Every structure is written in structure tokens, then in C-alpha cells.
PDB file of N, CA and C in Angstrom:
ATOM      1  N   UNK A   1       0.838  -1.156   0.009  1.00  0.00           N
ATOM      2  CA  UNK A   1       0.006  -0.069   0.015  1.00  0.00           C
ATOM      3  C   UNK A   1       0.832   1.153  -0.008  1.00  0.00           C
ATOM      4  N   UNK A   2       0.376   2.295  -0.534  1.00  0.00           N
ATOM      5  CA  UNK A   2       0.930   3.588  -0.562  1.00  0.00           C
ATOM      6  C   UNK A   2       0.053   4.434   0.321  1.00  0.00           C
ATOM      7  N   UNK A   3       0.530   5.195   1.311  1.00  0.00           N
ATOM      8  CA  UNK A   3      -0.167   6.165   2.006  1.00  0.00           C
ATOM      9  C   UNK A   3       0.375   7.557   1.936  1.00  0.00           C
ATOM     10  N   UNK A   4      -0.451   8.499   1.624  1.00  0.00           N
ATOM     11  CA  UNK A   4      -0.085   9.841   1.659  1.00  0.00           C
ATOM     12  C   UNK A   4      -0.716  10.533   2.704  1.00  0.00           C
ATOM     13  N   UNK A   5       0.079  11.226   3.682  1.00  0.00           N
ATOM     14  CA  UNK A   5      -0.550  11.737   4.885  1.00  0.00           C
ATOM     15  C   UNK A   5       0.098  13.073   5.175  1.00  0.00           C
ATOM     16  N   UNK A   6      -0.616  13.885   5.879  1.00  0.00           N
ATOM     17  CA  UNK A   6      -0.196  15.186   6.348  1.00  0.00           C
ATOM     18  C   UNK A   6      -0.659  15.341   7.781  1.00  0.00           C
ATOM     19  N   UNK A   7       0.264  15.779   8.595  1.00  0.00           N
ATOM     20  CA  UNK A   7       0.053  15.967  10.013  1.00  0.00           C
ATOM     21  C   UNK A   7       0.124  17.477  10.255  1.00  0.00           C
ATOM     22  N   UNK A   8      -0.831  17.982  10.939  1.00  0.00           N
ATOM     23  CA  UNK A   8      -0.962  19.419  11.258  1.00  0.00           C
ATOM     24  C   UNK A   8      -1.026  19.631  12.648  1.00  0.00           C
ATOM     25  N   UNK A   9      -0.033  20.001  13.305  1.00  0.00           N
ATOM     26  CA  UNK A   9      -0.050  20.404  14.617  1.00  0.00           C
ATOM     27  C   UNK A   9      -0.814  21.677  14.947  1.00  0.00           C
ATOM     28  N   UNK A  10      -1.624  21.710  15.996  1.00  0.00           N
ATOM     29  CA  UNK A  10      -2.440  22.993  16.269  1.00  0.00           C
ATOM     30  C   UNK A  10      -1.677  23.575  17.348  1.00  0.00           C
ATOM     31  N   UNK A  11      -0.943  24.684  17.112  1.00  0.00           N
ATOM     32  CA  UNK A  11      -0.065  25.381  18.024  1.00  0.00           C
ATOM     33  C   UNK A  11      -0.717  26.764  18.505  1.00  0.00           C
ATOM     34  N   UNK A  12      -0.196  27.165  19.640  1.00  0.00           N
ATOM     35  CA  UNK A  12      -0.622  28.469  20.183  1.00  0.00           C
ATOM     36  C   UNK A  12       0.548  29.426  19.817  1.00  0.00           C
ATOM     37  N   UNK A  13       1.670  28.982  19.136  1.00  0.00           N
ATOM     38  CA  UNK A  13       2.681  29.798  18.845  1.00  0.00           C
ATOM     39  C   UNK A  13       2.181  31.041  18.066  1.00  0.00           C
ATOM     40  N   UNK A  14       2.432  32.194  18.386  1.00  0.00           N
ATOM     41  CA  UNK A  14       2.049  33.488  17.626  1.00  0.00           C
ATOM     42  C   UNK A  14       2.592  33.484  16.303  1.00  0.00           C
ATOM     43  N   UNK A  15       3.832  32.852  16.025  1.00  0.00           N
ATOM     44  CA  UNK A  15       4.291  32.949  14.634  1.00  0.00           C
ATOM     45  C   UNK A  15       3.760  31.923  13.723  1.00  0.00           C
ATOM     46  N   UNK A  16       2.895  31.006  14.303  1.00  0.00           N
ATOM     47  CA  UNK A  16       2.214  29.944  13.651  1.00  0.00           C
ATOM     48  C   UNK A  16       3.151  28.887  12.998  1.00  0.00           C
ATOM     49  N   UNK A  17       4.479  28.925  13.528  1.00  0.00           N
ATOM     50  CA  UNK A  17       5.441  27.957  12.857  1.00  0.00           C
ATOM     51  C   UNK A  17       5.221  26.495  13.421  1.00  0.00           C
ATOM     52  N   UNK A  18       5.100  25.580  12.543  1.00  0.00           N
ATOM     53  CA  UNK A  18       4.940  24.214  12.860  1.00  0.00           C
ATOM     54  C   UNK A  18       6.267  23.342  12.346  1.00  0.00           C
ATOM     55  N   UNK A  19       7.137  23.969  11.886  1.00  0.00           N
ATOM     56  CA  UNK A  19       8.304  23.383  11.147  1.00  0.00           C
ATOM     57  C   UNK A  19       8.968  22.323  12.045  1.00  0.00           C
ATOM     58  N   UNK A  20       9.232  22.579  13.306  1.00  0.00           N
ATOM     59  CA  UNK A  20       9.965  21.591  14.109  1.00  0.00           C
ATOM     60  C   UNK A  20       9.051  20.290  14.418  1.00  0.00           C
ATOM     61  N   UNK A  21       7.799  20.522  14.606  1.00  0.00           N
ATOM     62  CA  UNK A  21       6.864  19.311  14.929  1.00  0.00           C
ATOM     63  C   UNK A  21       6.735  18.542  13.507  1.00  0.00           C
ATOM     64  N   UNK A  22       6.647  19.139  12.442  1.00  0.00           N
ATOM     65  CA  UNK A  22       6.489  18.387  11.209  1.00  0.00           C
ATOM     66  C   UNK A  22       7.868  17.653  10.850  1.00  0.00           C
ATOM     67  N   UNK A  23       9.004  18.358  11.183  1.00  0.00           N
ATOM     68  CA  UNK A  23      10.205  17.703  10.929  1.00  0.00           C
ATOM     69  C   UNK A  23      10.395  16.528  11.779  1.00  0.00           C
ATOM     70  N   UNK A  24       9.885  16.506  13.097  1.00  0.00           N
ATOM     71  CA  UNK A  24       9.935  15.474  13.919  1.00  0.00           C
ATOM     72  C   UNK A  24       9.212  14.212  13.325  1.00  0.00           C
ATOM     73  N   UNK A  25       7.952  14.530  12.763  1.00  0.00           N
ATOM     74  CA  UNK A  25       7.174  13.528  12.178  1.00  0.00           C
ATOM     75  C   UNK A  25       7.918  12.861  10.857  1.00  0.00           C
ATOM     76  N   UNK A  26       8.421  13.800  10.135  1.00  0.00           N
ATOM     77  CA  UNK A  26       9.098  13.200   9.026  1.00  0.00           C
ATOM     78  C   UNK A  26      10.418  12.404   9.370  1.00  0.00           C
ATOM     79  N   UNK A  27      11.104  12.744  10.463  1.00  0.00           N
ATOM     80  CA  UNK A  27      12.149  11.887  10.968  1.00  0.00           C
ATOM     81  C   UNK A  27      11.654  10.531  11.306  1.00  0.00           C
ATOM     82  N   UNK A  28      10.504  10.393  11.894  1.00  0.00           N
ATOM     83  CA  UNK A  28       9.929   9.043  12.163  1.00  0.00           C
ATOM     84  C   UNK A  28       9.771   8.144  10.983  1.00  0.00           C
ATOM     85  N   UNK A  29       9.162   9.048   9.978  1.00  0.00           N
ATOM     86  CA  UNK A  29       9.025   8.172   8.665  1.00  0.00           C
ATOM     87  C   UNK A  29      10.250   7.724   8.015  1.00  0.00           C
ATOM     88  N   UNK A  30      11.237   8.594   7.958  1.00  0.00           N
ATOM     89  CA  UNK A  30      12.474   8.180   7.373  1.00  0.00           C
ATOM     90  C   UNK A  30      13.167   7.235   8.163  1.00  0.00           C
ATOM     91  N   UNK A  31      13.103   7.269   9.462  1.00  0.00           N
ATOM     92  CA  UNK A  31      13.795   6.255  10.317  1.00  0.00           C
ATOM     93  C   UNK A  31      13.161   4.804  10.162  1.00  0.00           C
ATOM     94  N   UNK A  32      11.895   4.756   9.703  1.00  0.00           N
ATOM     95  CA  UNK A  32      11.103   3.573   9.599  1.00  0.00           C
ATOM     96  C   UNK A  32      11.990   2.661   8.549  1.00  0.00           C
ATOM     97  N   UNK A  33      12.627   3.100   7.717  1.00  0.00           N
ATOM     98  CA  UNK A  33      13.224   2.283   6.636  1.00  0.00           C
ATOM     99  C   UNK A  33      12.419   1.883   5.437  1.00  0.00           C
ATOM    100  N   UNK A  34      11.125   2.283   5.509  1.00  0.00           N
ATOM    101  CA  UNK A  34      10.282   2.141   4.389  1.00  0.00           C
ATOM    102  C   UNK A  34      10.408   3.148   3.259  1.00  0.00           C
ATOM    103  N   UNK A  35      10.211   2.727   2.098  1.00  0.00           N
ATOM    104  CA  UNK A  35      10.187   3.744   0.885  1.00  0.00           C
ATOM    105  C   UNK A  35       9.366   4.924   1.327  1.00  0.00           C
ATOM    106  N   UNK A  36       9.764   6.185   1.143  1.00  0.00           N
ATOM    107  CA  UNK A  36       9.203   7.337   1.360  1.00  0.00           C
ATOM    108  C   UNK A  36       9.609   8.452   0.625  1.00  0.00           C
ATOM    109  N   UNK A  37       8.785   9.600   0.515  1.00  0.00           N
ATOM    110  CA  UNK A  37       9.170  10.781   0.061  1.00  0.00           C
ATOM    111  C   UNK A  37       8.331  11.847   0.665  1.00  0.00           C
ATOM    112  N   UNK A  38       8.823  13.053   0.765  1.00  0.00           N
ATOM    113  CA  UNK A  38       8.321  14.279   1.283  1.00  0.00           C
ATOM    114  C   UNK A  38       8.201  15.269   0.395  1.00  0.00           C
ATOM    115  N   UNK A  39       6.909  15.844   0.183  1.00  0.00           N
ATOM    116  CA  UNK A  39       6.856  17.041  -0.629  1.00  0.00           C
ATOM    117  C   UNK A  39       6.302  18.167   0.224  1.00  0.00           C
ATOM    118  N   UNK A  40       5.860  19.268  -0.378  1.00  0.00           N
ATOM    119  CA  UNK A  40       5.362  20.577   0.244  1.00  0.00           C
ATOM    120  C   UNK A  40       4.127  20.278   0.981  1.00  0.00           C
ATOM    121  N   UNK A  41       3.366  19.214   0.642  1.00  0.00           N
ATOM    122  CA  UNK A  41       1.983  19.039   1.228  1.00  0.00           C
ATOM    123  C   UNK A  41       1.790  17.737   1.891  1.00  0.00           C
ATOM    124  N   UNK A  42       2.563  16.680   1.611  1.00  0.00           N
ATOM    125  CA  UNK A  42       2.382  15.344   2.109  1.00  0.00           C
ATOM    126  C   UNK A  42       3.648  14.661   2.193  1.00  0.00           C
ATOM    127  N   UNK A  43       3.589  13.601   3.130  1.00  0.00           N
ATOM    128  CA  UNK A  43       4.636  12.515   3.031  1.00  0.00           C
ATOM    129  C   UNK A  43       3.972  11.336   2.556  1.00  0.00           C
ATOM    130  N   UNK A  44       4.689  10.582   1.516  1.00  0.00           N
ATOM    131  CA  UNK A  44       4.220   9.385   0.979  1.00  0.00           C
ATOM    132  C   UNK A  44       5.087   8.269   1.586  1.00  0.00           C
ATOM    133  N   UNK A  45       4.406   7.101   1.837  1.00  0.00           N
ATOM    134  CA  UNK A  45       5.076   5.966   2.494  1.00  0.00           C
ATOM    135  C   UNK A  45       4.561   4.698   1.863  1.00  0.00           C
ATOM    136  N   UNK A  46       5.357   3.760   1.536  1.00  0.00           N
ATOM    137  CA  UNK A  46       4.927   2.429   1.019  1.00  0.00           C
ATOM    138  C   UNK A  46       5.369   1.240   1.875  1.00  0.00           C
ATOM    139  N   UNK A  47       4.451   0.427   2.028  1.00  0.00           N
ATOM    140  CA  UNK A  47       4.745  -0.858   2.805  1.00  0.00           C
ATOM    141  C   UNK A  47       3.555  -1.710   3.015  1.00  0.00           C
ATOM    142  N   UNK A  48       3.537  -2.632   3.861  1.00  0.00           N
ATOM    143  CA  UNK A  48       2.383  -3.463   4.372  1.00  0.00           C
ATOM    144  C   UNK A  48       1.361  -2.563   5.132  1.00  0.00           C
ATOM    145  N   UNK A  49       0.216  -2.850   5.262  1.00  0.00           N
ATOM    146  CA  UNK A  49      -0.816  -2.056   5.934  1.00  0.00           C
ATOM    147  C   UNK A  49      -0.328  -1.872   7.429  1.00  0.00           C
ATOM    148  N   UNK A  50       0.026  -2.903   8.215  1.00  0.00           N
ATOM    149  CA  UNK A  50       0.296  -2.726   9.612  1.00  0.00           C
ATOM    150  C   UNK A  50       1.527  -1.969   9.813  1.00  0.00           C
ATOM    151  N   UNK A  51       2.606  -2.130   8.887  1.00  0.00           N
ATOM    152  CA  UNK A  51       3.865  -1.241   9.147  1.00  0.00           C
ATOM    153  C   UNK A  51       3.698   0.113   8.783  1.00  0.00           C
ATOM    154  N   UNK A  52       2.892   0.480   7.667  1.00  0.00           N
ATOM    155  CA  UNK A  52       2.544   1.895   7.346  1.00  0.00           C
ATOM    156  C   UNK A  52       1.803   2.505   8.426  1.00  0.00           C
ATOM    157  N   UNK A  53       0.699   1.854   8.835  1.00  0.00           N
ATOM    158  CA  UNK A  53      -0.135   2.468   9.938  1.00  0.00           C
ATOM    159  C   UNK A  53       0.629   2.671  11.251  1.00  0.00           C
ATOM    160  N   UNK A  54       1.490   1.778  11.596  1.00  0.00           N
ATOM    161  CA  UNK A  54       2.368   2.009  12.864  1.00  0.00           C
ATOM    162  C   UNK A  54       3.254   3.176  12.627  1.00  0.00           C
ATOM    163  N   UNK A  55       3.801   3.415  11.440  1.00  0.00           N
ATOM    164  CA  UNK A  55       4.617   4.654  11.255  1.00  0.00           C
ATOM    165  C   UNK A  55       3.848   5.843  11.373  1.00  0.00           C
ATOM    166  N   UNK A  56       2.554   5.856  10.684  1.00  0.00           N
ATOM    167  CA  UNK A  56       1.734   7.023  10.739  1.00  0.00           C
ATOM    168  C   UNK A  56       1.369   7.302  12.210  1.00  0.00           C
ATOM    169  N   UNK A  57       0.987   6.314  12.922  1.00  0.00           N
ATOM    170  CA  UNK A  57       0.619   6.458  14.470  1.00  0.00           C
ATOM    171  C   UNK A  57       1.795   7.098  15.210  1.00  0.00           C
ATOM    172  N   UNK A  58       3.050   6.540  14.946  1.00  0.00           N
ATOM    173  CA  UNK A  58       4.236   7.004  15.663  1.00  0.00           C
ATOM    174  C   UNK A  58       4.538   8.542  15.323  1.00  0.00           C
ATOM    175  N   UNK A  59       4.348   8.889  13.910  1.00  0.00           N
ATOM    176  CA  UNK A  59       4.393  10.178  13.551  1.00  0.00           C
ATOM    177  C   UNK A  59       3.509  11.232  14.284  1.00  0.00           C
ATOM    178  N   UNK A  60       2.241  10.752  14.289  1.00  0.00           N
ATOM    179  CA  UNK A  60       1.134  11.540  15.050  1.00  0.00           C
ATOM    180  C   UNK A  60       1.614  11.694  16.515  1.00  0.00           C
ATOM    181  N   UNK A  61       2.112  10.610  17.192  1.00  0.00           N
ATOM    182  CA  UNK A  61       2.463  10.739  18.503  1.00  0.00           C
ATOM    183  C   UNK A  61       3.527  11.778  18.878  1.00  0.00           C
ATOM    184  N   UNK A  62       4.535  11.800  17.928  1.00  0.00           N
ATOM    185  CA  UNK A  62       5.583  12.716  18.278  1.00  0.00           C
ATOM    186  C   UNK A  62       5.032  14.218  18.052  1.00  0.00           C
ATOM    187  N   UNK A  63       4.183  14.442  17.161  1.00  0.00           N
ATOM    188  CA  UNK A  63       3.565  15.710  17.085  1.00  0.00           C
ATOM    189  C   UNK A  63       2.729  16.102  18.246  1.00  0.00           C
ATOM    190  N   UNK A  64       1.899  15.112  18.616  1.00  0.00           N
ATOM    191  CA  UNK A  64       1.079  15.248  19.858  1.00  0.00           C
ATOM    192  C   UNK A  64       1.835  15.418  21.112  1.00  0.00           C
ATOM    193  N   UNK A  65       3.028  15.203  21.171  1.00  0.00           N
ATOM    194  CA  UNK A  65       3.888  15.354  22.322  1.00  0.00           C
ATOM    195  C   UNK A  65       4.103  16.975  22.482  1.00  0.00           C
ATOM    196  N   UNK A  66       4.036  17.616  21.419  1.00  0.00           N
ATOM    197  CA  UNK A  66       4.399  18.994  21.443  1.00  0.00           C
ATOM    198  C   UNK A  66       3.199  19.989  21.127  1.00  0.00           C
ATOM    199  N   UNK A  67       2.204  19.297  20.848  1.00  0.00           N
ATOM    200  CA  UNK A  67       0.904  20.120  20.342  1.00  0.00           C
ATOM    201  C   UNK A  67      -0.315  19.537  21.085  1.00  0.00           C
ATOM    202  N   UNK A  68      -1.269  20.424  21.507  1.00  0.00           N
ATOM    203  CA  UNK A  68      -2.337  20.045  22.274  1.00  0.00           C
ATOM    204  C   UNK A  68      -3.444  19.337  21.331  1.00  0.00           C
ATOM    205  N   UNK A  69      -3.263  19.626  19.960  1.00  0.00           N
ATOM    206  CA  UNK A  69      -4.208  19.027  19.131  1.00  0.00           C
ATOM    207  C   UNK A  69      -3.511  18.794  17.810  1.00  0.00           C
ATOM    208  N   UNK A  70      -3.898  17.727  17.129  1.00  0.00           N
ATOM    209  CA  UNK A  70      -3.253  17.214  15.872  1.00  0.00           C
ATOM    210  C   UNK A  70      -4.280  16.816  14.783  1.00  0.00           C
ATOM    211  N   UNK A  71      -4.114  17.448  13.658  1.00  0.00           N
ATOM    212  CA  UNK A  71      -4.922  17.070  12.483  1.00  0.00           C
ATOM    213  C   UNK A  71      -4.182  16.030  11.623  1.00  0.00           C
ATOM    214  N   UNK A  72      -4.902  15.141  11.051  1.00  0.00           N
ATOM    215  CA  UNK A  72      -4.340  14.131  10.310  1.00  0.00           C
ATOM    216  C   UNK A  72      -5.162  14.006   8.925  1.00  0.00           C
ATOM    217  N   UNK A  73      -4.589  14.051   7.804  1.00  0.00           N
ATOM    218  CA  UNK A  73      -5.233  13.860   6.519  1.00  0.00           C
ATOM    219  C   UNK A  73      -4.386  12.623   5.944  1.00  0.00           C
ATOM    220  N   UNK A  74      -5.212  11.560   5.635  1.00  0.00           N
ATOM    221  CA  UNK A  74      -4.582  10.381   5.078  1.00  0.00           C
ATOM    222  C   UNK A  74      -5.276   9.819   3.928  1.00  0.00           C
ATOM    223  N   UNK A  75      -4.670   9.562   2.891  1.00  0.00           N
ATOM    224  CA  UNK A  75      -5.202   8.871   1.645  1.00  0.00           C
ATOM    225  C   UNK A  75      -4.309   7.706   1.352  1.00  0.00           C
ATOM    226  N   UNK A  76      -4.932   6.556   1.052  1.00  0.00           N
ATOM    227  CA  UNK A  76      -4.299   5.361   0.768  1.00  0.00           C
ATOM    228  C   UNK A  76      -4.558   4.664  -0.545  1.00  0.00           C
ATOM    229  N   UNK A  77      -3.709   4.060  -1.071  1.00  0.00           N
ATOM    230  CA  UNK A  77      -3.772   3.191  -2.267  1.00  0.00           C
ATOM    231  C   UNK A  77      -3.559   1.810  -1.901  1.00  0.00           C
ATOM    232  N   UNK A  78      -4.640   0.958  -1.743  1.00  0.00           N
ATOM    233  CA  UNK A  78      -4.373  -0.370  -1.252  1.00  0.00           C
ATOM    234  C   UNK A  78      -4.441  -1.327  -2.376  1.00  0.00           C
ATOM    235  N   UNK A  79      -3.307  -1.945  -2.703  1.00  0.00           N
ATOM    236  CA  UNK A  79      -3.314  -2.895  -3.810  1.00  0.00           C
ATOM    237  C   UNK A  79      -2.347  -3.950  -3.531  1.00  0.00           C
ATOM    238  N   UNK A  80      -2.842  -5.040  -2.953  1.00  0.00           N
ATOM    239  CA  UNK A  80      -2.099  -6.160  -2.515  1.00  0.00           C
ATOM    240  C   UNK A  80      -1.218  -6.759  -3.737  1.00  0.00           C
ATOM    241  N   UNK A  81      -0.132  -7.131  -3.469  1.00  0.00           N
ATOM    242  CA  UNK A  81       0.815  -7.773  -4.443  1.00  0.00           C
ATOM    243  C   UNK A  81       1.620  -6.867  -5.328  1.00  0.00           C
ATOM    244  N   UNK A  82       1.500  -5.681  -5.089  1.00  0.00           N
ATOM    245  CA  UNK A  82       2.320  -4.599  -5.748  1.00  0.00           C
ATOM    246  C   UNK A  82       3.311  -3.920  -4.862  1.00  0.00           C
ATOM    247  N   UNK A  83       4.426  -3.951  -5.274  1.00  0.00           N
ATOM    248  CA  UNK A  83       5.528  -3.290  -4.493  1.00  0.00           C
ATOM    249  C   UNK A  83       6.183  -2.256  -5.445  1.00  0.00           C
ATOM    250  N   UNK A  84       6.981  -1.336  -4.907  1.00  0.00           N
ATOM    251  CA  UNK A  84       7.769  -0.418  -5.683  1.00  0.00           C
ATOM    252  C   UNK A  84       6.776   0.596  -6.501  1.00  0.00           C
ATOM    253  N   UNK A  85       5.628   0.759  -6.100  1.00  0.00           N
ATOM    254  CA  UNK A  85       4.728   1.661  -6.811  1.00  0.00           C
ATOM    255  C   UNK A  85       4.903   3.111  -6.401  1.00  0.00           C
ATOM    256  N   UNK A  86       5.582   3.423  -5.421  1.00  0.00           N
ATOM    257  CA  UNK A  86       5.944   4.838  -5.145  1.00  0.00           C
ATOM    258  C   UNK A  86       6.594   5.550  -6.144  1.00  0.00           C
ATOM    259  N   UNK A  87       7.429   4.902  -6.805  1.00  0.00           N
ATOM    260  CA  UNK A  87       8.209   5.334  -7.946  1.00  0.00           C
ATOM    261  C   UNK A  87       7.629   4.855  -9.238  1.00  0.00           C
ATOM    262  N   UNK A  88       7.173   3.683  -9.298  1.00  0.00           N
ATOM    263  CA  UNK A  88       6.625   3.166 -10.573  1.00  0.00           C
ATOM    264  C   UNK A  88       5.436   3.898 -11.210  1.00  0.00           C
ATOM    265  N   UNK A  89       4.622   4.444 -10.260  1.00  0.00           N
ATOM    266  CA  UNK A  89       3.530   5.279 -10.765  1.00  0.00           C
ATOM    267  C   UNK A  89       3.918   6.571 -11.505  1.00  0.00           C
ATOM    268  N   UNK A  90       5.031   7.187 -10.865  1.00  0.00           N
ATOM    269  CA  UNK A  90       5.513   8.412 -11.466  1.00  0.00           C
ATOM    270  C   UNK A  90       6.219   8.136 -12.647  1.00  0.00           C
ATOM    271  N   UNK A  91       7.056   7.028 -12.736  1.00  0.00           N
ATOM    272  CA  UNK A  91       7.746   6.610 -14.013  1.00  0.00           C
ATOM    273  C   UNK A  91       6.732   6.453 -15.256  1.00  0.00           C
ATOM    274  N   UNK A  92       5.674   5.830 -14.901  1.00  0.00           N
ATOM    275  CA  UNK A  92       4.599   5.576 -15.920  1.00  0.00           C
ATOM    276  C   UNK A  92       4.067   6.841 -16.434  1.00  0.00           C
ATOM    277  N   UNK A  93       3.768   7.789 -15.631  1.00  0.00           N
ATOM    278  CA  UNK A  93       3.321   9.166 -16.140  1.00  0.00           C
ATOM    279  C   UNK A  93       4.440   9.836 -16.870  1.00  0.00           C
ATOM    280  N   UNK A  94       5.713   9.767 -16.410  1.00  0.00           N
ATOM    281  CA  UNK A  94       6.714  10.412 -17.135  1.00  0.00           C
ATOM    282  C   UNK A  94       6.812   9.876 -18.461  1.00  0.00           C
ATOM    283  N   UNK A  95       6.803   8.601 -18.603  1.00  0.00           N
ATOM    284  CA  UNK A  95       6.988   7.854 -19.880  1.00  0.00           C
ATOM    285  C   UNK A  95       5.758   8.393 -20.871  1.00  0.00           C
ATOM    286  N   UNK A  96       4.536   8.472 -20.268  1.00  0.00           N
ATOM    287  CA  UNK A  96       3.406   8.933 -21.063  1.00  0.00           C
ATOM    288  C   UNK A  96       3.609  10.373 -21.662  1.00  0.00           C
ATOM    289  N   UNK A  97       4.072  11.097 -20.635  1.00  0.00           N
ATOM    290  CA  UNK A  97       4.340  12.542 -21.106  1.00  0.00           C
ATOM    291  C   UNK A  97       5.478  12.599 -22.244  1.00  0.00           C
ATOM    292  N   UNK A  98       6.442  11.858 -22.093  1.00  0.00           N
ATOM    293  CA  UNK A  98       7.493  11.804 -23.078  1.00  0.00           C
ATOM    294  C   UNK A  98       7.048  11.268 -24.491  1.00  0.00           C
ATOM    295  N   UNK A  99       6.189  10.422 -24.363  1.00  0.00           N
ATOM    296  CA  UNK A  99       5.528   9.932 -25.615  1.00  0.00           C
ATOM    297  C   UNK A  99       4.758  10.902 -26.291  1.00  0.00           C
ATOM    298  N   UNK A 100       4.198  11.799 -25.629  1.00  0.00           N
ATOM    299  CA  UNK A 100       3.276  12.745 -26.180  1.00  0.00           C
ATOM    300  C   UNK A 100       4.017  14.068 -26.654  1.00  0.00           C
ATOM    301  N   UNK A 101       5.288  14.154 -26.462  1.00  0.00           N
ATOM    302  CA  UNK A 101       5.928  15.373 -26.814  1.00  0.00           C
ATOM    303  C   UNK A 101       6.332  15.460 -28.382  1.00  0.00           C
TER     304      UNK A 101
END
């Protein structure tokens, strides 16, 4: 499965900065050893259901440790028997774009 998720700490910091809390969550994902990538809106992670959900839960927990409230947006592509799709999906799109040039 591939999961795309975003964790939003709700902070009372007047600057509205959530950088450190989000960085802590991304560290959890990267330390998991699962294939992952981070972009400006989401972190994507690939693996088996239980291992992906355990990482998401741990990422939420590190944010909850510094924030009184946490928002989580999660989208999943559950397709048993397929691995390496985090990059393969993008490669297929890039190939299609190249064919259309």
C-alpha cells in the first residue's frame, strides 16, 4: 500500500510555525526504513498495511507530544501484491508525457 498523509499540529505559537513538529514526524517516517518521500503538502510511504499504519501512528504521537491538538489527513492506495509503486507510478506518467512530446 501507499499512504499519503499530512500531520498538522495545532499550536498556540503566535508565529504559527509548525516546522519543528513536522520535521519530527518526517524523521519518524525516514527512520522507519520504508520507501518514502516528502513534498510540500504530504509525506508518502509504502509498505504493508500494519507497518505503514504503525509509522503514521508514531508520527502523530511525536507531534502530539508538542501540540495540544493534531490534525491528520490520510489517503491510501491499497493494492495487494504490488511493490515499488511509489516510484513506478511516477515513471509511468513520465513515460506517457515523453511519448506525447
